């Protein structure tokens, strides 16, 4: 099964776009996602989700 991401076009409108400024609510949501995903068993989906969160946070740090 192929995981959805912005590169393969399967993510659709759910992908995180780095060209938008991050809002306080989004930071809180990403922190929550990190907590939830941290409890998942090791898998390709866990790795992909963590990578997406880190990419989003890195895009803000570069500004």
C-alpha atoms as a PDB file:
ATOM      1  CA  UNK A   1       0.000   0.000   0.000  1.00  0.00           C
ATOM      2  CA  UNK A   2       1.311   3.413  -0.934  1.00  0.00           C
ATOM      3  CA  UNK A   3       1.213   6.132   1.724  1.00  0.00           C
ATOM      4  CA  UNK A   4      -0.330   9.461   0.815  1.00  0.00           C
ATOM      5  CA  UNK A   5       2.028  12.398   0.574  1.00  0.00           C
ATOM      6  CA  UNK A   6       2.249  15.592  -1.411  1.00  0.00           C
ATOM      7  CA  UNK A   7       4.882  14.142  -3.749  1.00  0.00           C
ATOM      8  CA  UNK A   8       2.846  11.206  -5.035  1.00  0.00           C
ATOM      9  CA  UNK A   9      -0.404  13.210  -5.219  1.00  0.00           C
ATOM     10  CA  UNK A  10      -2.390  10.901  -2.955  1.00  0.00           C
ATOM     11  CA  UNK A  11      -2.594  13.381  -0.081  1.00  0.00           C
ATOM     12  CA  UNK A  12      -4.944  15.765  -1.868  1.00  0.00           C
ATOM     13  CA  UNK A  13      -5.953  18.742   0.261  1.00  0.00           C
ATOM     14  CA  UNK A  14      -4.729  17.046   3.435  1.00  0.00           C
ATOM     15  CA  UNK A  15      -1.071  17.748   2.737  1.00  0.00           C
ATOM     16  CA  UNK A  16       0.679  20.414   4.790  1.00  0.00           C
ATOM     17  CA  UNK A  17       1.785  23.360   2.695  1.00  0.00           C
ATOM     18  CA  UNK A  18       4.978  25.040   3.870  1.00  0.00           C
ATOM     19  CA  UNK A  19       4.276  28.338   2.122  1.00  0.00           C
ATOM     20  CA  UNK A  20       1.755  29.464   4.746  1.00  0.00           C
ATOM     21  CA  UNK A  21       2.684  31.037   8.064  1.00  0.00           C
ATOM     22  CA  UNK A  22       2.032  28.765  11.019  1.00  0.00           C
ATOM     23  CA  UNK A  23      -0.609  29.818  13.522  1.00  0.00           C
ATOM     24  CA  UNK A  24      -0.606  29.204  17.280  1.00  0.00           C
ATOM     25  CA  UNK A  25      -3.473  26.701  16.953  1.00  0.00           C
ATOM     26  CA  UNK A  26      -1.473  24.741  14.380  1.00  0.00           C
ATOM     27  CA  UNK A  27       1.528  24.518  16.707  1.00  0.00           C
ATOM     28  CA  UNK A  28      -0.716  23.112  19.446  1.00  0.00           C
ATOM     29  CA  UNK A  29      -2.235  20.655  16.969  1.00  0.00           C
ATOM     30  CA  UNK A  30       1.200  19.482  15.790  1.00  0.00           C
ATOM     31  CA  UNK A  31       2.278  18.983  19.414  1.00  0.00           C
ATOM     32  CA  UNK A  32      -0.838  16.882  19.960  1.00  0.00           C
ATOM     33  CA  UNK A  33      -0.103  14.851  16.814  1.00  0.00           C
ATOM     34  CA  UNK A  34       3.432  14.188  18.028  1.00  0.00           C
ATOM     35  CA  UNK A  35       2.063  12.827  21.302  1.00  0.00           C
ATOM     36  CA  UNK A  36      -0.456  10.585  19.537  1.00  0.00           C
ATOM     37  CA  UNK A  37       1.920   9.320  16.862  1.00  0.00           C
ATOM     38  CA  UNK A  38       4.566   8.635  19.502  1.00  0.00           C
ATOM     39  CA  UNK A  39       2.330   5.935  20.950  1.00  0.00           C
ATOM     40  CA  UNK A  40       1.886   4.141  17.592  1.00  0.00           C
ATOM     41  CA  UNK A  41       3.867   0.957  16.961  1.00  0.00           C
ATOM     42  CA  UNK A  42       6.831   1.351  14.614  1.00  0.00           C
ATOM     43  CA  UNK A  43       5.664   1.374  10.997  1.00  0.00           C
ATOM     44  CA  UNK A  44       6.124   3.173   7.694  1.00  0.00           C
ATOM     45  CA  UNK A  45       3.001   5.216   8.435  1.00  0.00           C
ATOM     46  CA  UNK A  46       4.456   6.391  11.760  1.00  0.00           C
ATOM     47  CA  UNK A  47       7.704   7.423  10.086  1.00  0.00           C
ATOM     48  CA  UNK A  48       5.882   9.280   7.286  1.00  0.00           C
ATOM     49  CA  UNK A  49       3.636  11.108   9.746  1.00  0.00           C
ATOM     50  CA  UNK A  50       6.559  12.149  11.932  1.00  0.00           C
ATOM     51  CA  UNK A  51       8.478  13.341   8.875  1.00  0.00           C
ATOM     52  CA  UNK A  52       5.509  15.467   7.769  1.00  0.00           C
ATOM     53  CA  UNK A  53       5.249  17.087  11.202  1.00  0.00           C
ATOM     54  CA  UNK A  54       8.979  17.819  11.328  1.00  0.00           C
ATOM     55  CA  UNK A  55       8.947  19.253   7.795  1.00  0.00           C
ATOM     56  CA  UNK A  56       6.132  21.607   8.727  1.00  0.00           C
ATOM     57  CA  UNK A  57       7.911  22.779  11.857  1.00  0.00           C
ATOM     58  CA  UNK A  58      11.202  23.200   9.968  1.00  0.00           C
ATOM     59  CA  UNK A  59       9.473  25.346   7.341  1.00  0.00           C
ATOM     60  CA  UNK A  60       8.499  27.799  10.041  1.00  0.00           C
ATOM     61  CA  UNK A  61      11.946  27.861  11.646  1.00  0.00           C
ATOM     62  CA  UNK A  62      13.522  28.916   8.335  1.00  0.00           C
ATOM     63  CA  UNK A  63      11.461  32.122   8.131  1.00  0.00           C
END
